[in-house]
Amino acid sequence: MNGTGPECPPTRTVSNFWSAPGAEVAHTLDEALELAGEGEMEQVERLVGWLRDLPGCADMDVKYSTATRRPFARMKVKLKREIVTMGVEGVDPVREAGRYVEPRDWNALLARPDVILIDTRNDYEVEIGSFAGAINPDIQNFRQFPQWFTQLREQWEREGKAAPAVAMFCTGGIRCEKSTAFARSLECEEVYHLKGGILKYLEEIPAGQSLWRGHCFVFDERVSVGQGLALTQDRMCADCGHPYDPAAGHDCGGA
């Protein structure tokens, strides 16, 4: 769950309120508060209700999923300059992000021939799943995205092409707040991103209508989820730190 703007509550307040066995809280005064936690539904609903009553959090985006094992081993609180580090000054994701597209409208957007689709996640995430036809920037971390997109923008200019309509997506929607704002700063006028990210799409769109292929990596002990946010059998490699499907085998060359 995440809320945006400087009025979001201090991290210490949230971490003191949260009584579940494990949770992760990241907070920046300039951007947003992001919280992921586990608990019984009553606990979760109580926390969500408390957060929504705070200034700046009434429209907080919340995603729910279930798990048969604990997603978090311990409480972690992170105070960060950026919720997700892009490292570009002057980009305002709160005011300049692209246009939100609800999961129910995403397929129709992608059917447009003038739209290009970009996966803003890291290469190890893309390896196990992505939307059909998405461009993979092949980046190791989000800091590399601005350079990659700048080069793409310059390529369009060299070829004498106007910037096409651009649709971007990420795990939960947070990275796209920044990636779409950055794209708009380079004079890309028609920029969209999937509201709630891949997770919201997998939660809401039936398997028979889904354009998602594979699994979605998540940053907790679940490793990845599939359609309907169902748990997968994916594991993390102890050598390379990347997710993999045990049934398919994995050879990263690690010792």
C-alpha atoms as a PDB file:
ATOM      1  CA  MET A   1       0.000   0.000   0.000  1.00  0.00           C
ATOM      2  CA  ASN A   2       1.258   3.478  -0.687  1.00  0.00           C
ATOM      3  CA  GLY A   3       0.251   7.090  -0.276  1.00  0.00           C
ATOM      4  CA  THR A   4       1.823  10.135  -1.838  1.00  0.00           C
ATOM      5  CA  GLY A   5       2.845  13.603  -0.771  1.00  0.00           C
ATOM      6  CA  PRO A   6       4.606  15.185   2.204  1.00  0.00           C
ATOM      7  CA  GLU A   7       1.564  14.833   4.461  1.00  0.00           C
ATOM      8  CA  CYS A   8       1.859  11.043   4.669  1.00  0.00           C
ATOM      9  CA  PRO A   9       2.505   9.872   8.246  1.00  0.00           C
ATOM     10  CA  PRO A  10       5.985   9.519   9.749  1.00  0.00           C
ATOM     11  CA  THR A  11       7.440   6.050   9.406  1.00  0.00           C
ATOM     12  CA  ARG A  12       7.893   5.710  13.148  1.00  0.00           C
ATOM     13  CA  THR A  13       4.152   6.192  13.697  1.00  0.00           C
ATOM     14  CA  VAL A  14       3.265   3.502  11.174  1.00  0.00           C
ATOM     15  CA  SER A  15       5.827   1.018  12.478  1.00  0.00           C
ATOM     16  CA  ASN A  16       4.625   1.529  16.053  1.00  0.00           C
ATOM     17  CA  PHE A  17       1.015   0.958  14.994  1.00  0.00           C
ATOM     18  CA  TRP A  18       1.712  -2.170  12.973  1.00  0.00           C
ATOM     19  CA  SER A  19       1.622  -5.247  15.217  1.00  0.00           C
ATOM     20  CA  ALA A  20       1.903  -7.996  12.602  1.00  0.00           C
ATOM     21  CA  PRO A  21       4.926 -10.345  12.803  1.00  0.00           C
ATOM     22  CA  GLY A  22       6.608  -8.869   9.747  1.00  0.00           C
ATOM     23  CA  ALA A  23       6.384  -5.755   7.646  1.00  0.00           C
ATOM     24  CA  GLU A  24       8.454  -3.426   5.532  1.00  0.00           C
ATOM     25  CA  VAL A  25       8.014   0.338   5.637  1.00  0.00           C
ATOM     26  CA  ALA A  26       9.782   2.811   3.358  1.00  0.00           C
ATOM     27  CA  HIS A  27       9.209   6.527   3.732  1.00  0.00           C
ATOM     28  CA  THR A  28      10.361   9.749   2.092  1.00  0.00           C
ATOM     29  CA  LEU A  29       9.056  13.167   3.061  1.00  0.00           C
ATOM     30  CA  ASP A  30       9.016  14.408  -0.535  1.00  0.00           C
ATOM     31  CA  GLU A  31       7.464  11.463  -2.335  1.00  0.00           C
ATOM     32  CA  ALA A  32       5.446   8.831  -0.557  1.00  0.00           C
ATOM     33  CA  LEU A  33       5.084   6.187   2.085  1.00  0.00           C
ATOM     34  CA  GLU A  34       5.186   2.571   0.972  1.00  0.00           C
ATOM     35  CA  LEU A  35       4.189  -0.201   3.354  1.00  0.00           C
ATOM     36  CA  ALA A  36       3.981  -3.944   2.825  1.00  0.00           C
ATOM     37  CA  GLY A  37       2.881  -6.102   5.718  1.00  0.00           C
ATOM     38  CA  GLU A  38       1.319  -9.382   6.713  1.00  0.00           C
ATOM     39  CA  GLY A  39      -1.426 -10.124   9.178  1.00  0.00           C
ATOM     40  CA  GLU A  40      -4.921 -11.423   9.717  1.00  0.00           C
ATOM     41  CA  MET A  41      -7.499  -9.583   7.608  1.00  0.00           C
ATOM     42  CA  GLU A  42      -8.883  -7.797  10.669  1.00  0.00           C
ATOM     43  CA  GLN A  43      -5.421  -6.410  11.455  1.00  0.00           C
ATOM     44  CA  VAL A  44      -4.862  -5.304   7.893  1.00  0.00           C
ATOM     45  CA  GLU A  45      -8.252  -3.612   7.584  1.00  0.00           C
ATOM     46  CA  ARG A  46      -7.700  -1.783  10.870  1.00  0.00           C
ATOM     47  CA  LEU A  47      -4.369  -0.434   9.648  1.00  0.00           C
ATOM     48  CA  VAL A  48      -5.781   0.576   6.261  1.00  0.00           C
ATOM     49  CA  GLY A  49      -8.666   2.411   7.922  1.00  0.00           C
ATOM     50  CA  TRP A  50      -6.291   4.245  10.252  1.00  0.00           C
ATOM     51  CA  LEU A  51      -4.035   5.275   7.371  1.00  0.00           C
ATOM     52  CA  ARG A  52      -6.900   6.490   5.194  1.00  0.00           C
ATOM     53  CA  ASP A  53      -8.008   8.848   7.972  1.00  0.00           C
ATOM     54  CA  LEU A  54      -4.638  10.623   7.934  1.00  0.00           C
ATOM     55  CA  PRO A  55      -4.056  13.788   5.856  1.00  0.00           C
ATOM     56  CA  GLY A  56      -2.886  12.972   2.344  1.00  0.00           C
ATOM     57  CA  CYS A  57      -3.757   9.270   2.520  1.00  0.00           C
ATOM     58  CA  ALA A  58      -7.490   9.096   1.764  1.00  0.00           C
ATOM     59  CA  ASP A  59      -6.844   7.858  -1.780  1.00  0.00           C
ATOM     60  CA  MET A  60      -4.045   5.484  -0.787  1.00  0.00           C
ATOM     61  CA  ASP A  61      -3.641   2.565  -3.183  1.00  0.00           C
ATOM     62  CA  VAL A  62      -4.019  -0.817  -1.458  1.00  0.00           C
ATOM     63  CA  LYS A  63      -3.388  -4.297  -2.874  1.00  0.00           C
ATOM     64  CA  TYR A  64      -4.351  -7.546  -1.138  1.00  0.00           C
ATOM     65  CA  SER A  65      -3.048 -11.069  -1.610  1.00  0.00           C
ATOM     66  CA  THR A  66      -2.925 -14.258   0.433  1.00  0.00           C
ATOM     67  CA  ALA A  67      -0.012 -16.515   1.273  1.00  0.00           C
ATOM     68  CA  THR A  68       0.500 -19.929   2.831  1.00  0.00           C
ATOM     69  CA  ARG A  69       3.878 -18.908   4.244  1.00  0.00           C
ATOM     70  CA  ARG A  70       5.060 -15.715   5.897  1.00  0.00           C
ATOM     71  CA  PRO A  71       6.090 -13.151   3.263  1.00  0.00           C
ATOM     72  CA  PHE A  72       8.235 -11.168   5.717  1.00  0.00           C
ATOM     73  CA  ALA A  73      10.775 -12.570   8.137  1.00  0.00           C
ATOM     74  CA  ARG A  74      11.073  -9.433  10.272  1.00  0.00           C
ATOM     75  CA  MET A  75      10.143  -5.776  10.573  1.00  0.00           C
ATOM     76  CA  LYS A  76      12.222  -3.452   8.393  1.00  0.00           C
ATOM     77  CA  VAL A  77      11.964   0.330   8.321  1.00  0.00           C
ATOM     78  CA  LYS A  78      13.801   2.324   5.645  1.00  0.00           C
ATOM     79  CA  LEU A  79      14.165   6.090   5.471  1.00  0.00           C
ATOM     80  CA  LYS A  80      15.093   6.850   1.875  1.00  0.00           C
ATOM     81  CA  ARG A  81      15.647   9.931  -0.235  1.00  0.00           C
ATOM     82  CA  GLU A  82      13.620   8.248  -2.970  1.00  0.00           C
ATOM     83  CA  ILE A  83      11.134   5.391  -2.623  1.00  0.00           C
ATOM     84  CA  VAL A  84      12.734   3.886  -5.718  1.00  0.00           C
ATOM     85  CA  THR A  85      16.052   5.388  -6.735  1.00  0.00           C
ATOM     86  CA  MET A  86      16.191   6.836 -10.231  1.00  0.00           C
ATOM     87  CA  GLY A  87      18.824   9.459  -9.450  1.00  0.00           C
ATOM     88  CA  VAL A  88      17.479  12.241 -11.670  1.00  0.00           C
ATOM     89  CA  GLU A  89      16.948  15.687 -10.163  1.00  0.00           C
ATOM     90  CA  GLY A  90      13.980  17.838 -11.069  1.00  0.00           C
ATOM     91  CA  VAL A  91      11.515  15.070 -11.925  1.00  0.00           C
ATOM     92  CA  ASP A  92       8.288  15.407  -9.939  1.00  0.00           C
ATOM     93  CA  PRO A  93       6.380  12.099  -9.948  1.00  0.00           C
ATOM     94  CA  VAL A  94       3.570  13.521  -7.824  1.00  0.00           C
ATOM     95  CA  ARG A  95       2.619  16.190 -10.385  1.00  0.00           C
ATOM     96  CA  GLU A  96       4.143  15.017 -13.666  1.00  0.00           C
ATOM     97  CA  ALA A  97       3.464  11.276 -13.890  1.00  0.00           C
ATOM     98  CA  GLY A  98       1.747   9.821 -16.946  1.00  0.00           C
ATOM     99  CA  ARG A  99      -1.939   9.079 -17.285  1.00  0.00           C
ATOM    100  CA  TYR A 100      -3.264   6.226 -15.175  1.00  0.00           C
ATOM    101  CA  VAL A 101      -4.871   3.317 -16.982  1.00  0.00           C
ATOM    102  CA  GLU A 102      -7.081   0.977 -14.966  1.00  0.00           C
ATOM    103  CA  PRO A 103      -6.373  -2.758 -15.361  1.00  0.00           C
ATOM    104  CA  ARG A 104      -9.750  -3.242 -17.059  1.00  0.00           C
ATOM    105  CA  ASP A 105      -8.716  -0.740 -19.784  1.00  0.00           C
ATOM    106  CA  TRP A 106      -5.114  -1.912 -20.206  1.00  0.00           C
ATOM    107  CA  ASN A 107      -5.737  -4.517 -22.912  1.00  0.00           C
ATOM    108  CA  ALA A 108      -7.575  -1.992 -25.076  1.00  0.00           C
ATOM    109  CA  LEU A 109      -4.682   0.461 -24.801  1.00  0.00           C
ATOM    110  CA  LEU A 110      -2.162  -2.190 -25.814  1.00  0.00           C
ATOM    111  CA  ALA A 111      -4.284  -3.098 -28.830  1.00  0.00           C
ATOM    112  CA  ARG A 112      -3.639   0.341 -30.309  1.00  0.00           C
ATOM    113  CA  PRO A 113      -1.040   0.083 -33.111  1.00  0.00           C
ATOM    114  CA  ASP A 114       0.496   3.457 -32.196  1.00  0.00           C
ATOM    115  CA  VAL A 115       1.374   2.417 -28.620  1.00  0.00           C
ATOM    116  CA  ILE A 116       4.730   0.975 -27.591  1.00  0.00           C
ATOM    117  CA  LEU A 117       4.898  -0.991 -24.345  1.00  0.00           C
ATOM    118  CA  ILE A 118       7.890  -0.719 -21.998  1.00  0.00           C
ATOM    119  CA  ASP A 119       8.694  -2.904 -18.987  1.00  0.00           C
ATOM    120  CA  THR A 120      10.497  -0.624 -16.509  1.00  0.00           C
ATOM    121  CA  ARG A 121      11.725  -3.417 -14.224  1.00  0.00           C
ATOM    122  CA  ASN A 122      15.141  -5.021 -13.845  1.00  0.00           C
ATOM    123  CA  ASP A 123      16.257  -7.793 -16.188  1.00  0.00           C
ATOM    124  CA  TYR A 124      15.987 -10.564 -13.569  1.00  0.00           C
ATOM    125  CA  GLU A 125      12.348  -9.615 -13.016  1.00  0.00           C
ATOM    126  CA  VAL A 126      11.573  -9.592 -16.730  1.00  0.00           C
ATOM    127  CA  GLU A 127      13.201 -13.021 -17.138  1.00  0.00           C
ATOM    128  CA  ILE A 128      10.373 -14.792 -15.323  1.00  0.00           C
ATOM    129  CA  GLY A 129       7.441 -12.847 -16.737  1.00  0.00           C
ATOM    130  CA  SER A 130       6.197  -9.805 -18.641  1.00  0.00           C
ATOM    131  CA  PHE A 131       3.376  -8.591 -20.851  1.00  0.00           C
ATOM    132  CA  ALA A 132       3.313 -10.016 -24.355  1.00  0.00           C
ATOM    133  CA  GLY A 133       5.148  -7.702 -26.742  1.00  0.00           C
ATOM    134  CA  ALA A 134       6.764  -5.533 -24.069  1.00  0.00           C
ATOM    135  CA  ILE A 135      10.172  -3.951 -24.673  1.00  0.00           C
ATOM    136  CA  ASN A 136      12.792  -5.085 -22.156  1.00  0.00           C
ATOM    137  CA  PRO A 137      15.318  -2.284 -21.426  1.00  0.00           C
ATOM    138  CA  ASP A 138      17.720  -4.951 -20.105  1.00  0.00           C
ATOM    139  CA  ILE A 139      18.728  -2.888 -17.075  1.00  0.00           C
ATOM    140  CA  GLN A 140      20.342  -4.106 -13.866  1.00  0.00           C
ATOM    141  CA  ASN A 141      18.718  -1.438 -11.690  1.00  0.00           C
ATOM    142  CA  PHE A 142      16.303   1.461 -12.003  1.00  0.00           C
ATOM    143  CA  ARG A 143      19.104   4.039 -12.065  1.00  0.00           C
ATOM    144  CA  GLN A 144      19.942   2.806 -15.556  1.00  0.00           C
ATOM    145  CA  PHE A 145      16.449   3.456 -16.907  1.00  0.00           C
ATOM    146  CA  PRO A 146      16.825   7.217 -17.606  1.00  0.00           C
ATOM    147  CA  GLN A 147      19.909   6.663 -19.779  1.00  0.00           C
ATOM    148  CA  TRP A 148      18.216   3.840 -21.658  1.00  0.00           C
ATOM    149  CA  PHE A 149      15.065   5.860 -22.321  1.00  0.00           C
ATOM    150  CA  THR A 150      17.066   8.959 -23.290  1.00  0.00           C
ATOM    151  CA  GLN A 151      18.899   6.902 -25.915  1.00  0.00           C
ATOM    152  CA  LEU A 152      15.574   5.577 -27.212  1.00  0.00           C
ATOM    153  CA  ARG A 153      14.217   9.121 -27.422  1.00  0.00           C
ATOM    154  CA  GLU A 154      17.334  10.259 -29.312  1.00  0.00           C
ATOM    155  CA  GLN A 155      16.930   7.329 -31.717  1.00  0.00           C
ATOM    156  CA  TRP A 156      13.421   8.486 -32.591  1.00  0.00           C
ATOM    157  CA  GLU A 157      14.770  11.973 -33.282  1.00  0.00           C
ATOM    158  CA  ARG A 158      17.568  10.681 -35.533  1.00  0.00           C
ATOM    159  CA  GLU A 159      15.023   8.680 -37.489  1.00  0.00           C
ATOM    160  CA  GLY A 160      12.814  11.742 -37.847  1.00  0.00           C
ATOM    161  CA  LYS A 161      10.004  10.131 -35.876  1.00  0.00           C
ATOM    162  CA  ALA A 162       7.658  11.840 -33.475  1.00  0.00           C
ATOM    163  CA  ALA A 163       7.545  10.297 -30.026  1.00  0.00           C
ATOM    164  CA  PRO A 164       4.925   7.525 -30.080  1.00  0.00           C
ATOM    165  CA  ALA A 165       2.351   6.901 -27.405  1.00  0.00           C
ATOM    166  CA  VAL A 166       4.176   5.116 -24.589  1.00  0.00           C
ATOM    167  CA  ALA A 167       2.698   2.686 -22.061  1.00  0.00           C
ATOM    168  CA  MET A 168       4.817   1.655 -19.084  1.00  0.00           C
ATOM    169  CA  PHE A 169       4.333  -0.832 -16.277  1.00  0.00           C
ATOM    170  CA  CYS A 170       6.098  -2.113 -13.174  1.00  0.00           C
ATOM    171  CA  THR A 171       5.335  -4.364 -10.207  1.00  0.00           C
ATOM    172  CA  GLY A 172       3.069  -2.163  -8.121  1.00  0.00           C
ATOM    173  CA  GLY A 173       3.021   1.118 -10.002  1.00  0.00           C
ATOM    174  CA  ILE A 174       5.617   3.045  -7.995  1.00  0.00           C
ATOM    175  CA  ARG A 175       8.515   2.930 -10.443  1.00  0.00           C
ATOM    176  CA  CYS A 176       6.176   4.067 -13.202  1.00  0.00           C
ATOM    177  CA  GLU A 177       5.330   7.238 -11.312  1.00  0.00           C
ATOM    178  CA  LYS A 178       8.945   8.211 -11.962  1.00  0.00           C
ATOM    179  CA  SER A 179       9.569   6.595 -15.338  1.00  0.00           C
ATOM    180  CA  THR A 180       6.502   8.240 -16.880  1.00  0.00           C
ATOM    181  CA  ALA A 181       7.359  11.609 -15.326  1.00  0.00           C
ATOM    182  CA  PHE A 182      10.852  11.286 -16.784  1.00  0.00           C
ATOM    183  CA  ALA A 183       9.448  10.408 -20.222  1.00  0.00           C
ATOM    184  CA  ARG A 184       7.238  13.476 -20.099  1.00  0.00           C
ATOM    185  CA  SER A 185      10.254  15.618 -19.186  1.00  0.00           C
ATOM    186  CA  LEU A 186      11.741  14.537 -22.547  1.00  0.00           C
ATOM    187  CA  GLU A 187       8.679  15.903 -24.355  1.00  0.00           C
ATOM    188  CA  CYS A 188       6.872  12.616 -24.797  1.00  0.00           C
ATOM    189  CA  GLU A 189       3.335  13.931 -24.705  1.00  0.00           C
ATOM    190  CA  GLU A 190       1.249  10.763 -24.612  1.00  0.00           C
ATOM    191  CA  VAL A 191       2.501   8.624 -21.731  1.00  0.00           C
ATOM    192  CA  TYR A 192       0.449   6.044 -19.829  1.00  0.00           C
ATOM    193  CA  HIS A 193       1.054   3.668 -16.973  1.00  0.00           C
ATOM    194  CA  LEU A 194      -0.799   0.749 -15.480  1.00  0.00           C
ATOM    195  CA  LYS A 195      -2.540   1.871 -12.301  1.00  0.00           C
ATOM    196  CA  GLY A 196      -1.662  -0.445  -9.445  1.00  0.00           C
ATOM    197  CA  GLY A 197       0.954  -2.157 -11.578  1.00  0.00           C
ATOM    198  CA  ILE A 198       1.214  -5.779 -12.590  1.00  0.00           C
ATOM    199  CA  LEU A 199      -0.088  -6.946  -9.228  1.00  0.00           C
ATOM    200  CA  LYS A 200      -3.389  -5.114  -9.611  1.00  0.00           C
ATOM    201  CA  TYR A 201      -3.739  -6.440 -13.155  1.00  0.00           C
ATOM    202  CA  LEU A 202      -3.137 -10.027 -12.030  1.00  0.00           C
ATOM    203  CA  GLU A 203      -5.615  -9.534  -9.196  1.00  0.00           C
ATOM    204  CA  GLU A 204      -8.436  -8.144 -11.340  1.00  0.00           C
ATOM    205  CA  ILE A 205      -8.124  -9.587 -14.853  1.00  0.00           C
ATOM    206  CA  PRO A 206      -9.344 -13.175 -15.458  1.00  0.00           C
ATOM    207  CA  ALA A 207      -6.767 -15.616 -16.784  1.00  0.00           C
ATOM    208  CA  GLY A 208      -8.660 -16.041 -20.048  1.00  0.00           C
ATOM    209  CA  GLN A 209      -8.361 -12.312 -20.795  1.00  0.00           C
ATOM    210  CA  SER A 210      -4.863 -11.756 -19.436  1.00  0.00           C
ATOM    211  CA  LEU A 211      -1.998 -10.567 -21.640  1.00  0.00           C
ATOM    212  CA  TRP A 212       0.497 -11.386 -18.895  1.00  0.00           C
ATOM    213  CA  ARG A 213       2.941 -14.205 -19.572  1.00  0.00           C
ATOM    214  CA  GLY A 214       4.817 -15.986 -16.779  1.00  0.00           C
ATOM    215  CA  HIS A 215       5.221 -14.913 -13.159  1.00  0.00           C
ATOM    216  CA  CYS A 216       5.626 -11.577 -11.404  1.00  0.00           C
ATOM    217  CA  PHE A 217       8.617 -11.169  -9.099  1.00  0.00           C
ATOM    218  CA  VAL A 218       7.830  -9.679  -5.677  1.00  0.00           C
ATOM    219  CA  PHE A 219      10.300  -8.342  -3.142  1.00  0.00           C
ATOM    220  CA  ASP A 220       9.498 -10.638  -0.234  1.00  0.00           C
ATOM    221  CA  GLU A 221       9.670 -14.285   0.801  1.00  0.00           C
ATOM    222  CA  ARG A 222       6.990 -15.307  -1.712  1.00  0.00           C
ATOM    223  CA  VAL A 223       9.495 -14.668  -4.554  1.00  0.00           C
ATOM    224  CA  SER A 224       6.786 -14.440  -7.238  1.00  0.00           C
ATOM    225  CA  VAL A 225       3.061 -14.661  -7.897  1.00  0.00           C
ATOM    226  CA  GLY A 226       0.952 -15.666 -10.881  1.00  0.00           C
ATOM    227  CA  GLN A 227      -2.528 -14.943 -12.191  1.00  0.00           C
ATOM    228  CA  GLY A 228      -4.924 -14.111  -9.392  1.00  0.00           C
ATOM    229  CA  LEU A 229      -1.843 -13.449  -7.202  1.00  0.00           C
ATOM    230  CA  ALA A 230      -1.496 -17.196  -6.666  1.00  0.00           C
ATOM    231  CA  LEU A 231       1.797 -18.334  -5.179  1.00  0.00           C
ATOM    232  CA  THR A 232       4.265 -19.985  -7.532  1.00  0.00           C
ATOM    233  CA  GLN A 233       7.050 -22.493  -6.917  1.00  0.00           C
ATOM    234  CA  ASP A 234       9.784 -20.015  -7.886  1.00  0.00           C
ATOM    235  CA  ARG A 235      12.831 -19.793  -5.644  1.00  0.00           C
ATOM    236  CA  MET A 236      15.775 -17.420  -5.288  1.00  0.00           C
ATOM    237  CA  CYS A 237      19.200 -18.658  -6.381  1.00  0.00           C
ATOM    238  CA  ALA A 238      21.663 -18.469  -3.492  1.00  0.00           C
ATOM    239  CA  ASP A 239      24.508 -17.745  -5.935  1.00  0.00           C
ATOM    240  CA  CYS A 240      23.187 -15.114  -8.345  1.00  0.00           C
ATOM    241  CA  GLY A 241      20.242 -13.849  -6.290  1.00  0.00           C
ATOM    242  CA  HIS A 242      17.821 -14.210  -9.201  1.00  0.00           C
ATOM    243  CA  PRO A 243      14.438 -15.980  -9.183  1.00  0.00           C
ATOM    244  CA  TYR A 244      14.004 -19.269 -11.001  1.00  0.00           C
ATOM    245  CA  ASP A 245      11.534 -22.113 -11.497  1.00  0.00           C
ATOM    246  CA  PRO A 246      12.924 -25.320  -9.904  1.00  0.00           C
ATOM    247  CA  ALA A 247      11.000 -27.442 -12.415  1.00  0.00           C
ATOM    248  CA  ALA A 248      12.790 -25.748 -15.308  1.00  0.00           C
ATOM    249  CA  GLY A 249      16.229 -25.958 -13.717  1.00  0.00           C
ATOM    250  CA  HIS A 250      18.698 -23.132 -13.237  1.00  0.00           C
ATOM    251  CA  ASP A 251      22.373 -22.796 -14.045  1.00  0.00           C
ATOM    252  CA  CYS A 252      23.745 -19.324 -13.380  1.00  0.00           C
ATOM    253  CA  GLY A 253      27.374 -20.442 -13.350  1.00  0.00           C
ATOM    254  CA  GLY A 254      27.691 -19.654  -9.655  1.00  0.00           C
ATOM    255  CA  ALA A 255      29.924 -21.693  -7.397  1.00  0.00           C
END
